N, C-alpha and C. Protein backbone atom coordinates (compact mmCIF):
# COMPACT_ATOMS: atom_id res chain seq x y z
N MET A 1 125.17 115.24 100.49
CA MET A 1 124.07 115.18 101.42
C MET A 1 122.84 115.80 100.78
N THR A 2 121.72 115.11 100.91
CA THR A 2 120.49 115.57 100.28
C THR A 2 119.80 116.62 101.14
N THR A 3 119.05 117.49 100.49
CA THR A 3 118.28 118.50 101.21
C THR A 3 116.81 118.11 101.28
N ASP A 4 116.47 116.93 100.80
CA ASP A 4 115.10 116.45 100.84
C ASP A 4 114.70 116.13 102.28
N THR A 5 113.70 116.83 102.79
CA THR A 5 113.26 116.65 104.17
C THR A 5 112.84 115.23 104.46
N ALA A 6 112.20 114.58 103.50
CA ALA A 6 111.75 113.21 103.70
C ALA A 6 112.93 112.28 103.93
N MET A 7 114.04 112.56 103.30
CA MET A 7 115.22 111.72 103.46
C MET A 7 115.97 112.04 104.76
N GLU A 8 115.99 113.31 105.12
CA GLU A 8 116.72 113.73 106.32
C GLU A 8 116.03 113.25 107.59
N ASN A 9 114.73 113.39 107.64
CA ASN A 9 113.98 113.01 108.84
C ASN A 9 112.59 112.52 108.42
N PRO A 10 112.49 111.25 108.07
CA PRO A 10 111.22 110.73 107.56
C PRO A 10 110.06 110.89 108.55
N LEU A 11 110.31 110.74 109.85
CA LEU A 11 109.23 110.89 110.82
C LEU A 11 108.70 112.32 110.84
N ALA A 12 109.60 113.29 110.87
CA ALA A 12 109.18 114.70 110.86
C ALA A 12 108.40 115.01 109.59
N PHE A 13 108.85 114.47 108.47
CA PHE A 13 108.17 114.67 107.19
C PHE A 13 106.75 114.11 107.26
N ARG A 14 106.60 112.90 107.79
CA ARG A 14 105.27 112.28 107.90
C ARG A 14 104.37 113.07 108.84
N LEU A 15 104.92 113.52 109.96
CA LEU A 15 104.12 114.28 110.91
C LEU A 15 103.68 115.62 110.32
N ARG A 16 104.56 116.27 109.56
CA ARG A 16 104.17 117.52 108.90
C ARG A 16 103.06 117.27 107.90
N ASN A 17 103.16 116.17 107.16
CA ASN A 17 102.11 115.83 106.19
C ASN A 17 100.79 115.56 106.90
N LEU A 18 100.84 114.86 108.02
CA LEU A 18 99.62 114.59 108.78
C LEU A 18 99.00 115.88 109.31
N LEU A 19 99.84 116.80 109.77
CA LEU A 19 99.35 118.07 110.27
C LEU A 19 98.67 118.86 109.14
N GLU A 20 99.29 118.88 107.98
CA GLU A 20 98.70 119.58 106.84
C GLU A 20 97.37 118.94 106.44
N TYR A 21 97.32 117.61 106.49
CA TYR A 21 96.09 116.89 106.18
C TYR A 21 95.00 117.25 107.19
N GLU A 22 95.36 117.28 108.47
CA GLU A 22 94.39 117.63 109.52
C GLU A 22 93.90 119.06 109.34
N LYS A 23 94.80 119.99 109.03
CA LYS A 23 94.39 121.38 108.81
C LYS A 23 93.41 121.47 107.64
N ASP A 24 93.68 120.73 106.58
CA ASP A 24 92.80 120.73 105.42
C ASP A 24 91.43 120.15 105.79
N CYS A 25 91.42 119.06 106.53
CA CYS A 25 90.15 118.44 106.96
C CYS A 25 89.35 119.41 107.83
N ASN A 26 90.02 120.08 108.75
CA ASN A 26 89.33 121.04 109.62
C ASN A 26 88.73 122.17 108.80
N ALA A 27 89.47 122.68 107.84
CA ALA A 27 88.97 123.77 106.99
C ALA A 27 87.75 123.31 106.20
N ARG A 28 87.80 122.09 105.68
CA ARG A 28 86.66 121.56 104.94
C ARG A 28 85.44 121.37 105.84
N LEU A 29 85.67 120.90 107.06
CA LEU A 29 84.57 120.70 107.99
C LEU A 29 83.94 122.04 108.37
N LEU A 30 84.75 123.05 108.61
CA LEU A 30 84.21 124.38 108.90
C LEU A 30 83.38 124.89 107.73
N LYS A 31 83.88 124.70 106.53
CA LYS A 31 83.15 125.14 105.34
C LYS A 31 81.82 124.39 105.22
N MET A 32 81.83 123.10 105.49
CA MET A 32 80.61 122.31 105.41
C MET A 32 79.60 122.78 106.45
N LEU A 33 80.05 122.99 107.69
CA LEU A 33 79.14 123.45 108.73
C LEU A 33 78.58 124.83 108.40
N ALA A 34 79.39 125.69 107.84
CA ALA A 34 78.94 127.03 107.47
C ALA A 34 77.92 126.99 106.33
N SER A 35 77.91 125.90 105.57
CA SER A 35 76.98 125.81 104.44
C SER A 35 75.58 125.38 104.87
N VAL A 36 75.42 124.97 106.13
CA VAL A 36 74.09 124.58 106.62
C VAL A 36 73.20 125.83 106.63
N PRO A 37 72.04 125.76 106.00
CA PRO A 37 71.16 126.93 105.97
C PRO A 37 70.78 127.39 107.39
N ALA A 38 70.64 128.68 107.55
CA ALA A 38 70.34 129.27 108.86
C ALA A 38 69.11 128.65 109.51
N GLU A 39 68.11 128.32 108.70
CA GLU A 39 66.87 127.77 109.28
C GLU A 39 67.07 126.36 109.83
N ASN A 40 68.17 125.69 109.49
CA ASN A 40 68.45 124.35 109.99
C ASN A 40 69.45 124.33 111.14
N ARG A 41 69.94 125.48 111.52
CA ARG A 41 70.98 125.53 112.55
C ARG A 41 70.45 125.39 113.96
N ASP A 42 69.15 125.43 114.13
CA ASP A 42 68.57 125.20 115.45
C ASP A 42 68.37 123.72 115.73
N ASP A 43 68.59 122.90 114.73
CA ASP A 43 68.43 121.45 114.87
C ASP A 43 69.49 120.92 115.83
N GLU A 44 69.09 120.04 116.73
CA GLU A 44 70.03 119.50 117.71
C GLU A 44 71.18 118.74 117.05
N ARG A 45 70.96 118.20 115.85
CA ARG A 45 72.04 117.47 115.16
C ARG A 45 73.13 118.42 114.71
N PHE A 46 72.76 119.65 114.35
CA PHE A 46 73.75 120.65 113.97
C PHE A 46 74.63 121.00 115.17
N GLN A 47 74.00 121.22 116.32
CA GLN A 47 74.77 121.53 117.54
C GLN A 47 75.65 120.35 117.94
N LYS A 48 75.14 119.15 117.77
CA LYS A 48 75.93 117.97 118.11
C LYS A 48 77.17 117.89 117.22
N ALA A 49 77.03 118.21 115.94
CA ALA A 49 78.18 118.20 115.03
C ALA A 49 79.22 119.24 115.45
N ILE A 50 78.76 120.42 115.84
CA ILE A 50 79.69 121.47 116.29
C ILE A 50 80.40 121.04 117.56
N ASP A 51 79.64 120.48 118.49
CA ASP A 51 80.25 120.05 119.76
C ASP A 51 81.25 118.92 119.56
N LYS A 52 81.00 118.02 118.62
CA LYS A 52 81.95 116.95 118.34
C LYS A 52 83.23 117.50 117.72
N PHE A 53 83.08 118.48 116.85
CA PHE A 53 84.25 119.11 116.26
C PHE A 53 85.05 119.84 117.34
N ALA A 54 84.34 120.54 118.24
CA ALA A 54 85.02 121.24 119.33
C ALA A 54 85.75 120.24 120.23
N HIS A 55 85.15 119.07 120.44
CA HIS A 55 85.80 118.02 121.23
C HIS A 55 87.12 117.60 120.58
N ALA A 56 87.11 117.41 119.27
CA ALA A 56 88.34 117.02 118.56
C ALA A 56 89.42 118.10 118.71
N VAL A 57 89.01 119.36 118.64
CA VAL A 57 89.96 120.46 118.80
C VAL A 57 90.55 120.46 120.21
N VAL A 58 89.71 120.27 121.19
CA VAL A 58 90.17 120.25 122.59
C VAL A 58 91.11 119.07 122.83
N CYS A 59 90.80 117.93 122.23
CA CYS A 59 91.70 116.77 122.36
C CYS A 59 93.07 117.08 121.80
N ARG A 60 93.12 117.76 120.66
CA ARG A 60 94.40 118.17 120.08
C ARG A 60 95.14 119.07 121.05
N LYS A 61 94.43 120.01 121.67
CA LYS A 61 95.06 120.91 122.64
C LYS A 61 95.58 120.14 123.86
N LEU A 62 94.85 119.11 124.27
CA LEU A 62 95.30 118.30 125.40
C LEU A 62 96.60 117.58 125.06
N TRP A 63 96.69 117.04 123.86
CA TRP A 63 97.93 116.38 123.44
C TRP A 63 99.08 117.38 123.37
N MET A 64 98.80 118.58 122.89
CA MET A 64 99.85 119.60 122.82
C MET A 64 100.32 119.95 124.24
N TYR A 65 99.41 119.97 125.20
CA TYR A 65 99.79 120.21 126.59
C TYR A 65 100.67 119.06 127.09
N ARG A 66 100.27 117.84 126.80
CA ARG A 66 101.05 116.68 127.23
C ARG A 66 102.46 116.67 126.63
N PHE A 67 102.59 117.21 125.42
CA PHE A 67 103.89 117.28 124.77
C PHE A 67 104.71 118.47 125.26
N GLY A 68 104.12 119.29 126.14
CA GLY A 68 104.84 120.43 126.68
C GLY A 68 104.76 121.67 125.82
N ASP A 69 103.84 121.70 124.86
CA ASP A 69 103.73 122.84 123.95
C ASP A 69 102.96 124.01 124.57
N THR A 70 102.10 123.72 125.55
CA THR A 70 101.34 124.77 126.23
C THR A 70 101.47 124.58 127.74
N ASP A 71 101.23 125.66 128.48
CA ASP A 71 101.38 125.62 129.93
C ASP A 71 100.15 125.09 130.66
N LEU A 72 98.97 125.27 130.07
CA LEU A 72 97.73 124.87 130.74
C LEU A 72 96.95 123.88 129.89
N PRO A 73 96.38 122.86 130.53
CA PRO A 73 95.53 121.93 129.78
C PRO A 73 94.17 122.57 129.52
N PRO A 74 93.41 122.04 128.57
CA PRO A 74 92.05 122.54 128.36
C PRO A 74 91.22 122.34 129.63
N SER A 75 90.26 123.19 129.84
CA SER A 75 89.43 123.10 131.05
C SER A 75 88.40 121.99 130.97
N THR A 76 88.08 121.52 129.78
CA THR A 76 87.13 120.43 129.60
C THR A 76 87.47 119.66 128.33
N CYS A 77 87.12 118.40 128.32
CA CYS A 77 87.33 117.59 127.10
C CYS A 77 86.06 117.50 126.26
N PHE A 78 84.94 117.89 126.84
CA PHE A 78 83.67 117.78 126.14
C PHE A 78 82.93 119.11 126.17
N PRO A 79 83.41 120.09 125.40
CA PRO A 79 82.72 121.38 125.39
C PRO A 79 81.31 121.22 124.79
N ALA A 80 80.37 121.96 125.32
CA ALA A 80 79.00 121.90 124.85
C ALA A 80 78.48 123.31 124.60
N GLY A 81 77.58 123.41 123.65
CA GLY A 81 76.99 124.71 123.36
C GLY A 81 77.91 125.66 122.63
N ILE A 82 78.93 125.14 121.99
CA ILE A 82 79.85 125.97 121.22
C ILE A 82 79.11 126.52 120.01
N ARG A 83 79.38 127.77 119.67
CA ARG A 83 78.78 128.38 118.48
C ARG A 83 79.70 128.15 117.28
N LEU A 84 79.09 128.11 116.11
CA LEU A 84 79.86 127.92 114.88
C LEU A 84 80.97 128.97 114.74
N ASP A 85 80.68 130.21 115.09
CA ASP A 85 81.68 131.27 114.94
C ASP A 85 82.83 131.16 115.94
N GLN A 86 82.69 130.29 116.95
CA GLN A 86 83.77 130.09 117.92
C GLN A 86 84.78 129.05 117.45
N LEU A 87 84.38 128.18 116.54
CA LEU A 87 85.27 127.10 116.11
C LEU A 87 86.58 127.57 115.49
N PRO A 88 86.55 128.53 114.57
CA PRO A 88 87.85 128.92 113.97
C PRO A 88 88.86 129.44 114.98
N GLU A 89 88.41 130.17 115.99
CA GLU A 89 89.35 130.71 116.98
C GLU A 89 89.86 129.62 117.92
N MET A 90 89.10 128.51 118.01
CA MET A 90 89.55 127.40 118.87
C MET A 90 90.78 126.76 118.26
């Protein structure tokens, strides 16, 4: 019997890979947003980018609720006015 996870449970292996890919993408996006110069952070496009990222995070939380991973659903699907420093804790 093989100990290769991909052979034992290919779906679980693929889902783990997708999760790792998503975590990497989120980390890169946070790094990119943090690289915006302070004088450009008042631009409405910067806030829109943060709010879209927060929306994606909330959608993930909603799916986790639907899967039974959490007890409460998110309070909103379209958070607005999120600060850059709030994204990592989300």
